[in-house]
């Protein structure tokens, strides 16, 4: 579990393919404090640390992850947003982020607002029920508030600190980003759908045989 508050950036050094999976070798200031089996969010995607050596570590993304995120398009030299999992006694400064990317969105605009930046993104219509005006959304793992929400688009505002300390500064019109919609919104949407279809409560809670 994460909060969408980026701790550092990592630089992708090398990629190797194993079957349908890809293993990424990363360089990061966080590496010395990492351990094998630890969870670490990469542009909002939760990956497990497989090895650590000095300032480098390796993680692997399976085919499903590569399909539903832009990890499959990563290349050496890319800067990746990193966040370690939240501690139970820590502050929830952003919002609840699982590290499970829902889809990929495309940047449609980037505007300098004289002290901040405004970005526009478009996403597949099938996710329109999971986003609301002034709701929370994770863009490349960054906890942000969305506005100007439409059927398949939204905007976010980026303050100077976030612009300088995340890879948002590399996002331009046409760029792809990982999107995770708000977890609470997903459960509300699911419950609403079940109620709309008049599915009996006992069937909803029943375990499959």
N, C-alpha and C. Protein backbone atom coordinates (compact mmCIF):
# COMPACT_ATOMS: atom_id res chain seq x y z
N UNK A 1 0.84 -1.19 0.00
CA UNK A 1 0.00 0.00 0.00
C UNK A 1 0.88 1.25 0.00
N UNK A 2 0.46 2.25 -0.79
CA UNK A 2 1.25 3.46 -0.94
C UNK A 2 0.36 4.69 -0.74
N UNK A 3 0.98 5.88 -0.80
CA UNK A 3 0.22 7.11 -0.58
C UNK A 3 0.26 8.06 -1.78
N UNK A 4 1.11 7.77 -2.76
CA UNK A 4 1.22 8.66 -3.91
C UNK A 4 2.14 9.84 -3.67
N UNK A 5 2.94 9.78 -2.60
CA UNK A 5 3.94 10.81 -2.33
C UNK A 5 5.30 10.27 -2.76
N UNK A 6 5.84 10.78 -3.84
CA UNK A 6 7.08 10.25 -4.42
C UNK A 6 8.27 10.59 -3.53
N UNK A 7 9.10 9.56 -3.25
CA UNK A 7 10.27 9.75 -2.40
C UNK A 7 11.52 10.10 -3.19
N UNK A 8 11.67 9.50 -4.34
CA UNK A 8 12.89 9.68 -5.13
C UNK A 8 12.61 9.25 -6.56
N UNK A 9 13.59 9.46 -7.41
CA UNK A 9 13.52 8.97 -8.77
C UNK A 9 14.64 7.96 -9.01
N UNK A 10 14.35 6.97 -9.80
CA UNK A 10 15.36 5.99 -10.18
C UNK A 10 15.64 6.13 -11.66
N UNK A 11 16.82 5.72 -12.07
CA UNK A 11 17.17 5.73 -13.50
C UNK A 11 17.28 4.30 -13.99
N UNK A 12 16.54 4.00 -15.04
CA UNK A 12 16.58 2.66 -15.62
C UNK A 12 17.89 2.48 -16.37
N UNK A 13 18.66 1.46 -15.94
CA UNK A 13 19.98 1.23 -16.52
C UNK A 13 19.98 0.14 -17.58
N UNK A 14 19.21 -0.93 -17.37
CA UNK A 14 19.24 -2.05 -18.32
C UNK A 14 17.95 -2.83 -18.23
N UNK A 15 17.59 -3.50 -19.34
CA UNK A 15 16.38 -4.32 -19.42
C UNK A 15 16.76 -5.68 -19.99
N UNK A 16 16.27 -6.73 -19.35
CA UNK A 16 16.46 -8.07 -19.89
C UNK A 16 15.12 -8.77 -19.94
N UNK A 17 14.93 -9.61 -20.93
CA UNK A 17 13.65 -10.30 -21.11
C UNK A 17 13.79 -11.77 -20.75
N UNK A 18 12.83 -12.25 -19.96
CA UNK A 18 12.80 -13.65 -19.56
C UNK A 18 11.40 -14.19 -19.88
N UNK A 19 11.26 -14.91 -20.98
CA UNK A 19 9.94 -15.35 -21.40
C UNK A 19 9.10 -14.14 -21.77
N UNK A 20 7.91 -14.02 -21.16
CA UNK A 20 7.04 -12.88 -21.39
C UNK A 20 7.27 -11.74 -20.40
N UNK A 21 8.22 -11.94 -19.50
CA UNK A 21 8.49 -10.95 -18.46
C UNK A 21 9.68 -10.08 -18.81
N UNK A 22 9.79 -8.94 -18.14
CA UNK A 22 10.94 -8.06 -18.30
C UNK A 22 11.53 -7.75 -16.93
N UNK A 23 12.86 -7.85 -16.83
CA UNK A 23 13.57 -7.50 -15.60
C UNK A 23 14.28 -6.17 -15.81
N UNK A 24 14.10 -5.27 -14.85
CA UNK A 24 14.66 -3.92 -14.95
C UNK A 24 15.75 -3.73 -13.90
N UNK A 25 16.89 -3.25 -14.34
CA UNK A 25 17.98 -2.91 -13.43
C UNK A 25 17.95 -1.40 -13.22
N UNK A 26 17.78 -1.00 -11.96
CA UNK A 26 17.58 0.41 -11.63
C UNK A 26 18.71 0.93 -10.77
N UNK A 27 19.02 2.23 -10.93
CA UNK A 27 19.94 2.93 -10.04
C UNK A 27 19.11 3.95 -9.26
N UNK A 28 19.29 3.97 -7.94
CA UNK A 28 18.48 4.87 -7.14
C UNK A 28 19.15 5.17 -5.80
N UNK A 29 18.96 6.38 -5.25
CA UNK A 29 19.46 6.69 -3.92
C UNK A 29 18.77 5.88 -2.83
N UNK A 30 17.64 5.26 -3.16
CA UNK A 30 16.93 4.42 -2.19
C UNK A 30 17.52 3.02 -2.09
N UNK A 31 18.33 2.63 -3.07
CA UNK A 31 18.79 1.24 -3.19
C UNK A 31 19.44 0.71 -1.92
N UNK A 32 20.29 1.52 -1.28
CA UNK A 32 21.03 1.05 -0.10
C UNK A 32 20.11 0.70 1.06
N UNK A 33 18.89 1.24 1.06
CA UNK A 33 17.95 0.97 2.14
C UNK A 33 16.91 -0.08 1.79
N UNK A 34 17.04 -0.69 0.60
CA UNK A 34 16.08 -1.69 0.16
C UNK A 34 16.54 -3.09 0.54
N UNK A 35 15.59 -4.01 0.56
CA UNK A 35 15.90 -5.41 0.83
C UNK A 35 15.09 -6.30 -0.12
N UNK A 36 15.59 -7.49 -0.36
CA UNK A 36 14.89 -8.45 -1.22
C UNK A 36 13.51 -8.76 -0.65
N UNK A 37 12.51 -8.86 -1.51
CA UNK A 37 11.10 -9.12 -1.19
C UNK A 37 10.34 -7.87 -0.78
N UNK A 38 11.00 -6.72 -0.73
CA UNK A 38 10.33 -5.48 -0.37
C UNK A 38 9.53 -4.96 -1.56
N UNK A 39 8.40 -4.30 -1.28
CA UNK A 39 7.58 -3.71 -2.33
C UNK A 39 8.01 -2.27 -2.58
N UNK A 40 8.06 -1.90 -3.84
CA UNK A 40 8.45 -0.55 -4.23
C UNK A 40 7.63 -0.15 -5.45
N UNK A 41 6.99 1.01 -5.38
CA UNK A 41 6.16 1.49 -6.49
C UNK A 41 7.04 2.20 -7.51
N UNK A 42 6.88 1.81 -8.78
CA UNK A 42 7.62 2.38 -9.90
C UNK A 42 6.63 3.05 -10.84
N UNK A 43 6.61 4.38 -10.87
CA UNK A 43 5.59 5.10 -11.65
C UNK A 43 4.20 4.59 -11.28
N UNK A 44 4.03 4.26 -10.00
CA UNK A 44 2.73 3.82 -9.50
C UNK A 44 2.47 2.34 -9.59
N UNK A 45 3.43 1.55 -10.09
CA UNK A 45 3.27 0.11 -10.23
C UNK A 45 4.07 -0.60 -9.14
N UNK A 46 3.40 -1.39 -8.33
CA UNK A 46 4.06 -2.11 -7.25
C UNK A 46 4.86 -3.29 -7.80
N UNK A 47 6.17 -3.29 -7.55
CA UNK A 47 7.06 -4.36 -7.97
C UNK A 47 7.88 -4.85 -6.78
N UNK A 48 8.29 -6.11 -6.82
CA UNK A 48 9.03 -6.72 -5.72
C UNK A 48 10.53 -6.68 -5.99
N UNK A 49 11.29 -6.23 -5.01
CA UNK A 49 12.75 -6.19 -5.13
C UNK A 49 13.29 -7.61 -5.18
N UNK A 50 14.06 -7.93 -6.21
CA UNK A 50 14.61 -9.27 -6.37
C UNK A 50 16.07 -9.36 -5.98
N UNK A 51 16.81 -8.28 -6.17
CA UNK A 51 18.22 -8.26 -5.78
C UNK A 51 18.65 -6.82 -5.55
N UNK A 52 19.66 -6.65 -4.68
CA UNK A 52 20.20 -5.32 -4.38
C UNK A 52 21.72 -5.43 -4.35
N UNK A 53 22.39 -4.48 -4.99
CA UNK A 53 23.85 -4.45 -4.99
C UNK A 53 24.30 -3.00 -5.08
N UNK A 54 24.76 -2.45 -3.96
CA UNK A 54 25.20 -1.06 -3.94
C UNK A 54 24.07 -0.10 -4.23
N UNK A 55 24.25 0.70 -5.26
CA UNK A 55 23.23 1.68 -5.65
C UNK A 55 22.26 1.14 -6.70
N UNK A 56 22.29 -0.17 -6.92
CA UNK A 56 21.46 -0.78 -7.95
C UNK A 56 20.55 -1.86 -7.37
N UNK A 57 19.43 -2.08 -8.03
CA UNK A 57 18.54 -3.18 -7.65
C UNK A 57 17.79 -3.65 -8.90
N UNK A 58 17.16 -4.80 -8.81
CA UNK A 58 16.41 -5.35 -9.94
C UNK A 58 14.99 -5.72 -9.53
N UNK A 59 14.06 -5.51 -10.46
CA UNK A 59 12.66 -5.89 -10.29
C UNK A 59 12.18 -6.49 -11.61
N UNK A 60 11.13 -7.31 -11.53
CA UNK A 60 10.58 -7.93 -12.74
C UNK A 60 9.10 -7.62 -12.86
N UNK A 61 8.68 -7.32 -14.08
CA UNK A 61 7.26 -7.09 -14.38
C UNK A 61 6.76 -8.23 -15.26
N UNK A 62 5.64 -8.83 -14.88
CA UNK A 62 5.07 -9.93 -15.66
C UNK A 62 4.26 -9.38 -16.83
N UNK A 63 3.82 -10.28 -17.70
CA UNK A 63 3.12 -9.88 -18.93
C UNK A 63 1.89 -9.03 -18.65
N UNK A 64 1.09 -9.39 -17.64
CA UNK A 64 -0.12 -8.63 -17.32
C UNK A 64 0.21 -7.20 -16.95
N UNK A 65 1.26 -7.01 -16.16
CA UNK A 65 1.69 -5.67 -15.75
C UNK A 65 2.17 -4.87 -16.96
N UNK A 66 2.92 -5.50 -17.83
CA UNK A 66 3.42 -4.84 -19.02
C UNK A 66 2.28 -4.41 -19.94
N UNK A 67 1.20 -5.21 -19.95
CA UNK A 67 0.05 -4.92 -20.81
C UNK A 67 -0.76 -3.73 -20.31
N UNK A 68 -0.93 -3.63 -18.98
CA UNK A 68 -1.82 -2.61 -18.41
C UNK A 68 -1.10 -1.34 -17.96
N UNK A 69 0.19 -1.27 -18.18
CA UNK A 69 0.95 -0.08 -17.81
C UNK A 69 1.90 0.26 -18.95
N UNK A 70 2.65 1.34 -18.78
CA UNK A 70 3.61 1.72 -19.81
C UNK A 70 5.00 1.16 -19.52
N UNK A 71 5.11 0.21 -18.60
CA UNK A 71 6.41 -0.37 -18.29
C UNK A 71 7.03 -1.07 -19.49
N UNK A 72 6.16 -1.62 -20.33
CA UNK A 72 6.66 -2.30 -21.52
C UNK A 72 7.35 -1.37 -22.49
N UNK A 73 7.15 -0.05 -22.34
CA UNK A 73 7.75 0.93 -23.23
C UNK A 73 8.96 1.63 -22.61
N UNK A 74 9.27 1.25 -21.37
CA UNK A 74 10.45 1.84 -20.74
C UNK A 74 11.70 1.56 -21.56
N UNK A 75 12.67 2.48 -21.46
CA UNK A 75 13.96 2.29 -22.13
C UNK A 75 15.06 2.81 -21.22
N UNK A 76 16.28 2.29 -21.35
CA UNK A 76 17.40 2.76 -20.52
C UNK A 76 17.53 4.27 -20.57
N UNK A 77 17.74 4.86 -19.39
CA UNK A 77 17.84 6.31 -19.28
C UNK A 77 16.58 6.96 -18.77
N UNK A 78 15.44 6.24 -18.81
CA UNK A 78 14.19 6.80 -18.30
C UNK A 78 14.27 7.04 -16.80
N UNK A 79 13.66 8.14 -16.35
CA UNK A 79 13.56 8.45 -14.93
C UNK A 79 12.22 7.96 -14.41
N UNK A 80 12.25 7.22 -13.31
CA UNK A 80 11.06 6.56 -12.78
C UNK A 80 10.74 7.07 -11.38
N UNK A 81 9.48 7.41 -11.12
CA UNK A 81 9.05 7.81 -9.78
C UNK A 81 9.04 6.61 -8.85
N UNK A 82 9.62 6.77 -7.65
CA UNK A 82 9.71 5.68 -6.69
C UNK A 82 9.06 6.05 -5.36
N UNK A 83 8.37 5.06 -4.78
CA UNK A 83 7.80 5.22 -3.44
C UNK A 83 7.81 3.89 -2.72
N UNK A 84 8.36 3.89 -1.50
CA UNK A 84 8.30 2.68 -0.68
C UNK A 84 6.92 2.57 -0.05
N UNK A 85 6.55 1.36 0.34
CA UNK A 85 5.23 1.13 0.92
C UNK A 85 5.10 1.88 2.23
N UNK A 86 3.87 2.26 2.56
CA UNK A 86 3.60 3.04 3.76
C UNK A 86 3.77 2.19 5.01
N UNK A 87 4.27 2.80 6.08
CA UNK A 87 4.36 2.13 7.37
C UNK A 87 3.07 2.36 8.14
N UNK A 88 2.62 1.39 8.95
CA UNK A 88 1.35 1.52 9.66
C UNK A 88 1.24 2.78 10.52
N UNK A 89 2.38 3.25 11.04
CA UNK A 89 2.34 4.44 11.90
C UNK A 89 2.69 5.72 11.15
N UNK A 90 2.72 5.63 9.83
CA UNK A 90 3.07 6.80 9.03
C UNK A 90 1.86 7.65 8.70
N UNK A 91 2.14 8.84 8.17
CA UNK A 91 1.07 9.76 7.78
C UNK A 91 0.59 9.41 6.36
N UNK A 92 -0.71 9.53 6.16
CA UNK A 92 -1.28 9.33 4.82
C UNK A 92 -1.40 10.70 4.18
N UNK A 93 -0.28 11.19 3.64
CA UNK A 93 -0.24 12.55 3.11
C UNK A 93 -0.92 12.68 1.76
N UNK A 94 -1.00 11.58 0.99
CA UNK A 94 -1.67 11.63 -0.29
C UNK A 94 -3.04 10.99 -0.19
N UNK A 95 -3.20 9.83 -0.84
CA UNK A 95 -4.41 9.03 -0.69
C UNK A 95 -4.02 7.56 -0.81
N UNK A 96 -4.95 6.66 -0.57
CA UNK A 96 -4.64 5.23 -0.61
C UNK A 96 -4.39 4.80 -2.06
N UNK A 97 -3.17 4.34 -2.31
CA UNK A 97 -2.76 3.87 -3.63
C UNK A 97 -2.30 2.43 -3.51
N UNK A 98 -2.85 1.53 -4.31
CA UNK A 98 -2.50 0.12 -4.22
C UNK A 98 -1.24 -0.25 -4.99
N UNK A 99 -0.92 0.53 -5.99
CA UNK A 99 0.18 0.16 -6.87
C UNK A 99 -0.26 -0.77 -7.98
N UNK A 100 -1.58 -0.78 -8.24
CA UNK A 100 -2.16 -1.61 -9.30
C UNK A 100 -2.71 -0.69 -10.38
N UNK A 101 -1.95 -0.48 -11.43
CA UNK A 101 -2.36 0.42 -12.50
C UNK A 101 -3.62 -0.08 -13.19
N UNK A 102 -4.58 0.82 -13.40
CA UNK A 102 -5.83 0.45 -14.06
C UNK A 102 -5.72 0.55 -15.58
N UNK A 103 -5.06 1.59 -16.04
CA UNK A 103 -4.98 1.80 -17.49
C UNK A 103 -3.89 2.82 -17.80
N UNK A 104 -3.73 3.07 -19.07
CA UNK A 104 -2.78 4.07 -19.55
C UNK A 104 -3.56 5.28 -20.07
N UNK A 105 -3.10 6.47 -19.71
CA UNK A 105 -3.71 7.71 -20.22
C UNK A 105 -2.70 8.44 -21.08
N UNK A 106 -3.20 9.28 -21.98
CA UNK A 106 -2.35 10.06 -22.88
C UNK A 106 -2.43 11.53 -22.49
N UNK A 107 -1.28 12.18 -22.44
CA UNK A 107 -1.26 13.61 -22.17
C UNK A 107 -1.72 14.37 -23.41
N UNK A 108 -2.68 15.27 -23.22
CA UNK A 108 -3.20 16.05 -24.34
C UNK A 108 -2.70 17.49 -24.33
N UNK A 109 -2.24 17.96 -23.16
CA UNK A 109 -1.73 19.33 -23.11
C UNK A 109 -0.90 19.54 -21.86
N UNK A 110 0.02 20.49 -21.94
CA UNK A 110 0.81 20.96 -20.80
C UNK A 110 0.87 22.47 -20.89
N UNK A 111 0.40 23.15 -19.85
CA UNK A 111 0.35 24.61 -19.89
C UNK A 111 1.07 25.19 -18.68
N UNK A 112 1.95 26.14 -18.92
CA UNK A 112 2.64 26.86 -17.84
C UNK A 112 1.70 27.91 -17.29
N UNK A 113 1.40 27.81 -15.99
CA UNK A 113 0.47 28.73 -15.34
C UNK A 113 1.19 29.78 -14.49
N UNK A 114 2.41 30.15 -14.88
CA UNK A 114 3.18 31.18 -14.18
C UNK A 114 3.34 30.84 -12.70
N UNK A 115 3.97 29.73 -12.44
CA UNK A 115 4.19 29.30 -11.05
C UNK A 115 3.71 27.89 -10.81
N UNK A 116 2.94 27.37 -11.73
CA UNK A 116 2.49 25.98 -11.65
C UNK A 116 2.28 25.49 -13.09
N UNK A 117 1.94 24.22 -13.22
CA UNK A 117 1.70 23.65 -14.54
C UNK A 117 0.38 22.91 -14.54
N UNK A 118 -0.35 23.01 -15.63
CA UNK A 118 -1.61 22.29 -15.75
C UNK A 118 -1.49 21.30 -16.90
N UNK A 119 -1.90 20.06 -16.62
CA UNK A 119 -1.84 18.98 -17.60
C UNK A 119 -3.24 18.47 -17.88
N UNK A 120 -3.47 18.07 -19.13
CA UNK A 120 -4.71 17.40 -19.50
C UNK A 120 -4.40 15.99 -19.94
N UNK A 121 -5.28 15.03 -19.57
CA UNK A 121 -5.08 13.63 -19.94
C UNK A 121 -6.38 13.03 -20.45
N UNK A 122 -6.27 12.08 -21.37
CA UNK A 122 -7.41 11.31 -21.86
C UNK A 122 -7.20 9.84 -21.55
N UNK A 123 -8.29 9.15 -21.23
CA UNK A 123 -8.23 7.73 -20.87
C UNK A 123 -9.40 7.00 -21.52
N UNK A 124 -9.41 5.67 -21.55
CA UNK A 124 -10.50 4.93 -22.18
C UNK A 124 -11.86 5.20 -21.51
N UNK A 125 -12.91 5.33 -22.33
CA UNK A 125 -14.26 5.63 -21.83
C UNK A 125 -14.74 4.61 -20.80
N UNK A 126 -14.26 3.38 -20.87
CA UNK A 126 -14.76 2.32 -19.99
C UNK A 126 -14.45 2.59 -18.52
N UNK A 127 -13.57 3.54 -18.23
CA UNK A 127 -13.22 3.86 -16.83
C UNK A 127 -13.90 5.13 -16.34
N UNK A 128 -14.83 5.67 -17.12
CA UNK A 128 -15.43 6.97 -16.79
C UNK A 128 -16.17 6.97 -15.45
N UNK A 129 -16.67 5.80 -15.02
CA UNK A 129 -17.43 5.74 -13.77
C UNK A 129 -16.54 5.74 -12.53
N UNK A 130 -15.22 5.73 -12.72
CA UNK A 130 -14.30 5.64 -11.58
C UNK A 130 -13.64 6.97 -11.23
N UNK A 131 -14.07 8.05 -11.86
CA UNK A 131 -13.43 9.34 -11.63
C UNK A 131 -14.49 10.41 -11.38
N UNK A 132 -14.21 11.31 -10.44
CA UNK A 132 -15.14 12.38 -10.10
C UNK A 132 -14.39 13.71 -9.99
N UNK A 133 -15.12 14.80 -10.15
CA UNK A 133 -14.54 16.13 -10.00
C UNK A 133 -13.99 16.31 -8.59
N UNK A 134 -12.76 16.80 -8.50
CA UNK A 134 -12.05 17.03 -7.24
C UNK A 134 -11.73 15.73 -6.50
N UNK A 135 -11.77 14.61 -7.20
CA UNK A 135 -11.41 13.34 -6.59
C UNK A 135 -9.91 13.09 -6.70
N UNK A 136 -9.46 12.03 -6.04
CA UNK A 136 -8.05 11.67 -6.07
C UNK A 136 -7.75 10.72 -7.23
N UNK A 137 -6.54 10.86 -7.78
CA UNK A 137 -6.10 9.98 -8.85
C UNK A 137 -4.58 9.89 -8.78
N UNK A 138 -4.03 8.74 -9.14
CA UNK A 138 -2.58 8.57 -9.17
C UNK A 138 -2.10 8.58 -10.61
N UNK A 139 -1.22 9.52 -10.94
CA UNK A 139 -0.65 9.65 -12.27
C UNK A 139 0.85 9.34 -12.16
N UNK A 140 1.28 8.24 -12.77
CA UNK A 140 2.67 7.79 -12.59
C UNK A 140 3.02 7.68 -11.12
N UNK A 141 2.04 7.26 -10.32
CA UNK A 141 2.25 7.06 -8.90
C UNK A 141 2.12 8.30 -8.05
N UNK A 142 1.85 9.45 -8.65
CA UNK A 142 1.74 10.71 -7.91
C UNK A 142 0.29 10.96 -7.52
N UNK A 143 0.06 11.19 -6.23
CA UNK A 143 -1.29 11.49 -5.76
C UNK A 143 -1.67 12.91 -6.17
N UNK A 144 -2.73 13.03 -6.98
CA UNK A 144 -3.15 14.33 -7.49
C UNK A 144 -4.67 14.47 -7.39
N UNK A 145 -5.13 15.70 -7.45
CA UNK A 145 -6.56 16.00 -7.47
C UNK A 145 -6.97 16.33 -8.90
N UNK A 146 -8.00 15.65 -9.39
CA UNK A 146 -8.43 15.88 -10.77
C UNK A 146 -9.56 16.89 -10.85
N UNK A 147 -9.60 17.64 -11.94
CA UNK A 147 -10.67 18.61 -12.17
C UNK A 147 -10.93 18.70 -13.67
N UNK A 148 -11.93 19.46 -14.06
CA UNK A 148 -12.35 19.51 -15.47
C UNK A 148 -12.60 18.09 -15.99
N UNK A 149 -13.26 17.28 -15.16
CA UNK A 149 -13.50 15.88 -15.50
C UNK A 149 -14.61 15.75 -16.53
N UNK A 150 -14.36 14.96 -17.58
CA UNK A 150 -15.37 14.66 -18.59
C UNK A 150 -15.51 13.14 -18.70
N UNK A 151 -16.18 12.68 -19.72
CA UNK A 151 -16.39 11.26 -19.93
C UNK A 151 -15.07 10.49 -20.03
N UNK A 152 -14.07 11.10 -20.65
CA UNK A 152 -12.81 10.38 -20.86
C UNK A 152 -11.58 11.26 -20.68
N UNK A 153 -11.70 12.33 -19.88
CA UNK A 153 -10.54 13.20 -19.70
C UNK A 153 -10.58 13.90 -18.34
N UNK A 154 -9.45 14.42 -17.94
CA UNK A 154 -9.36 15.18 -16.69
C UNK A 154 -8.12 16.05 -16.75
N UNK A 155 -8.04 17.00 -15.83
CA UNK A 155 -6.87 17.86 -15.71
C UNK A 155 -6.30 17.75 -14.30
N UNK A 156 -5.01 18.04 -14.16
CA UNK A 156 -4.37 18.11 -12.86
C UNK A 156 -3.45 19.32 -12.85
N UNK A 157 -3.22 19.87 -11.65
CA UNK A 157 -2.31 20.99 -11.48
C UNK A 157 -1.07 20.50 -10.74
N UNK A 158 0.09 20.93 -11.18
CA UNK A 158 1.36 20.49 -10.62
C UNK A 158 2.10 21.69 -10.02
N UNK A 159 2.43 21.60 -8.74
CA UNK A 159 3.18 22.66 -8.08
C UNK A 159 4.67 22.53 -8.43
N UNK A 160 5.46 23.59 -8.24
CA UNK A 160 6.88 23.55 -8.60
C UNK A 160 7.65 22.39 -7.97
N UNK A 161 7.40 22.09 -6.70
CA UNK A 161 8.14 21.01 -6.03
C UNK A 161 7.89 19.68 -6.73
N UNK A 162 6.64 19.38 -7.02
CA UNK A 162 6.31 18.12 -7.70
C UNK A 162 6.91 18.10 -9.09
N UNK A 163 6.88 19.23 -9.78
CA UNK A 163 7.43 19.32 -11.13
C UNK A 163 8.93 19.00 -11.13
N UNK A 164 9.65 19.48 -10.12
CA UNK A 164 11.10 19.32 -10.07
C UNK A 164 11.52 17.96 -9.52
N UNK A 165 10.69 17.34 -8.67
CA UNK A 165 11.11 16.14 -7.97
C UNK A 165 10.42 14.87 -8.45
N UNK A 166 9.70 14.94 -9.56
CA UNK A 166 9.10 13.75 -10.17
C UNK A 166 9.34 13.81 -11.68
N UNK A 167 8.92 12.76 -12.37
CA UNK A 167 9.11 12.78 -13.83
C UNK A 167 7.98 13.50 -14.56
N UNK A 168 7.14 14.25 -13.83
CA UNK A 168 6.12 15.06 -14.52
C UNK A 168 6.76 16.07 -15.47
N UNK A 169 7.97 16.51 -15.14
CA UNK A 169 8.63 17.50 -16.00
C UNK A 169 9.00 16.92 -17.36
N UNK A 170 8.97 15.59 -17.48
CA UNK A 170 9.29 14.95 -18.77
C UNK A 170 8.03 14.65 -19.58
N UNK A 171 6.85 14.87 -18.99
CA UNK A 171 5.59 14.56 -19.66
C UNK A 171 5.20 15.71 -20.59
N UNK A 172 4.98 15.37 -21.84
CA UNK A 172 4.58 16.34 -22.85
C UNK A 172 3.33 15.82 -23.56
N UNK A 173 2.64 16.66 -24.35
CA UNK A 173 1.52 16.16 -25.14
C UNK A 173 1.94 14.97 -25.99
N UNK A 174 1.17 13.89 -25.88
CA UNK A 174 1.49 12.65 -26.56
C UNK A 174 2.13 11.61 -25.66
N UNK A 175 2.67 12.04 -24.51
CA UNK A 175 3.27 11.10 -23.56
C UNK A 175 2.21 10.20 -22.94
N UNK A 176 2.61 8.99 -22.57
CA UNK A 176 1.73 8.05 -21.89
C UNK A 176 2.07 8.01 -20.40
N UNK A 177 1.06 7.85 -19.56
CA UNK A 177 1.27 7.75 -18.11
C UNK A 177 0.42 6.62 -17.55
N UNK A 178 0.87 6.08 -16.41
CA UNK A 178 0.09 5.07 -15.70
C UNK A 178 -0.96 5.75 -14.84
N UNK A 179 -2.15 5.18 -14.84
CA UNK A 179 -3.26 5.75 -14.08
C UNK A 179 -3.82 4.70 -13.12
N UNK A 180 -3.99 5.09 -11.86
CA UNK A 180 -4.73 4.26 -10.90
C UNK A 180 -5.85 5.11 -10.32
N UNK A 181 -7.08 4.67 -10.51
CA UNK A 181 -8.23 5.40 -9.98
C UNK A 181 -8.39 5.12 -8.49
N UNK A 182 -9.16 5.97 -7.83
CA UNK A 182 -9.31 5.90 -6.37
C UNK A 182 -9.93 4.57 -5.93
N UNK A 183 -9.30 3.92 -4.96
CA UNK A 183 -9.75 2.61 -4.48
C UNK A 183 -11.17 2.65 -3.93
N UNK A 184 -11.47 3.66 -3.13
CA UNK A 184 -12.81 3.75 -2.52
C UNK A 184 -13.86 3.90 -3.61
N UNK A 185 -13.55 4.70 -4.63
CA UNK A 185 -14.47 4.88 -5.74
C UNK A 185 -14.77 3.57 -6.46
N UNK A 186 -13.77 2.69 -6.56
CA UNK A 186 -13.97 1.41 -7.22
C UNK A 186 -14.97 0.55 -6.46
N UNK A 187 -14.88 0.53 -5.13
CA UNK A 187 -15.81 -0.27 -4.33
C UNK A 187 -17.22 0.30 -4.40
N UNK A 188 -17.32 1.63 -4.36
CA UNK A 188 -18.64 2.26 -4.47
C UNK A 188 -19.27 1.93 -5.82
N UNK A 189 -18.47 2.00 -6.89
CA UNK A 189 -18.98 1.68 -8.23
C UNK A 189 -19.43 0.23 -8.30
N UNK A 190 -18.67 -0.67 -7.69
CA UNK A 190 -19.01 -2.10 -7.70
C UNK A 190 -20.31 -2.36 -6.95
N UNK A 191 -20.45 -1.78 -5.78
CA UNK A 191 -21.66 -1.97 -4.98
C UNK A 191 -22.88 -1.41 -5.70
N UNK A 192 -22.71 -0.23 -6.30
CA UNK A 192 -23.80 0.41 -7.03
C UNK A 192 -24.25 -0.46 -8.20
N UNK A 193 -23.30 -1.05 -8.91
CA UNK A 193 -23.62 -1.92 -10.05
C UNK A 193 -24.40 -3.14 -9.59
N UNK A 194 -23.97 -3.75 -8.50
CA UNK A 194 -24.65 -4.93 -7.99
C UNK A 194 -26.08 -4.61 -7.55
N UNK A 195 -26.23 -3.48 -6.89
CA UNK A 195 -27.57 -3.07 -6.44
C UNK A 195 -28.47 -2.76 -7.63
N UNK A 196 -27.89 -2.14 -8.66
CA UNK A 196 -28.66 -1.80 -9.86
C UNK A 196 -29.18 -3.05 -10.54
N UNK A 197 -28.39 -4.11 -10.50
CA UNK A 197 -28.77 -5.37 -11.14
C UNK A 197 -29.59 -6.28 -10.23
N UNK A 198 -29.91 -5.75 -9.02
CA UNK A 198 -30.75 -6.49 -8.07
C UNK A 198 -30.19 -7.87 -7.73
N UNK A 199 -28.89 -7.95 -7.56
CA UNK A 199 -28.29 -9.22 -7.18
C UNK A 199 -28.46 -9.42 -5.67
N UNK A 200 -29.06 -10.53 -5.23
CA UNK A 200 -29.28 -10.78 -3.80
C UNK A 200 -27.99 -10.70 -3.00
N UNK A 201 -28.08 -10.15 -1.80
CA UNK A 201 -26.90 -9.99 -0.96
C UNK A 201 -26.21 -11.31 -0.68
N UNK A 202 -27.01 -12.37 -0.49
CA UNK A 202 -26.41 -13.66 -0.16
C UNK A 202 -25.57 -14.21 -1.31
N UNK A 203 -25.92 -13.82 -2.56
CA UNK A 203 -25.14 -14.26 -3.70
C UNK A 203 -23.87 -13.43 -3.85
N UNK A 204 -23.94 -12.15 -3.48
CA UNK A 204 -22.79 -11.29 -3.56
C UNK A 204 -21.68 -11.76 -2.63
N UNK A 205 -22.08 -12.20 -1.43
CA UNK A 205 -21.11 -12.60 -0.43
C UNK A 205 -20.75 -14.07 -0.53
N UNK A 206 -21.44 -14.83 -1.38
CA UNK A 206 -21.19 -16.25 -1.47
C UNK A 206 -19.88 -16.54 -2.16
N UNK A 207 -19.09 -17.45 -1.60
CA UNK A 207 -17.81 -17.84 -2.18
C UNK A 207 -18.06 -18.82 -3.33
N UNK A 208 -17.25 -18.69 -4.38
CA UNK A 208 -17.41 -19.62 -5.50
C UNK A 208 -17.05 -21.05 -5.09
N UNK A 209 -17.73 -22.03 -5.67
CA UNK A 209 -17.47 -23.43 -5.32
C UNK A 209 -16.26 -23.95 -6.07
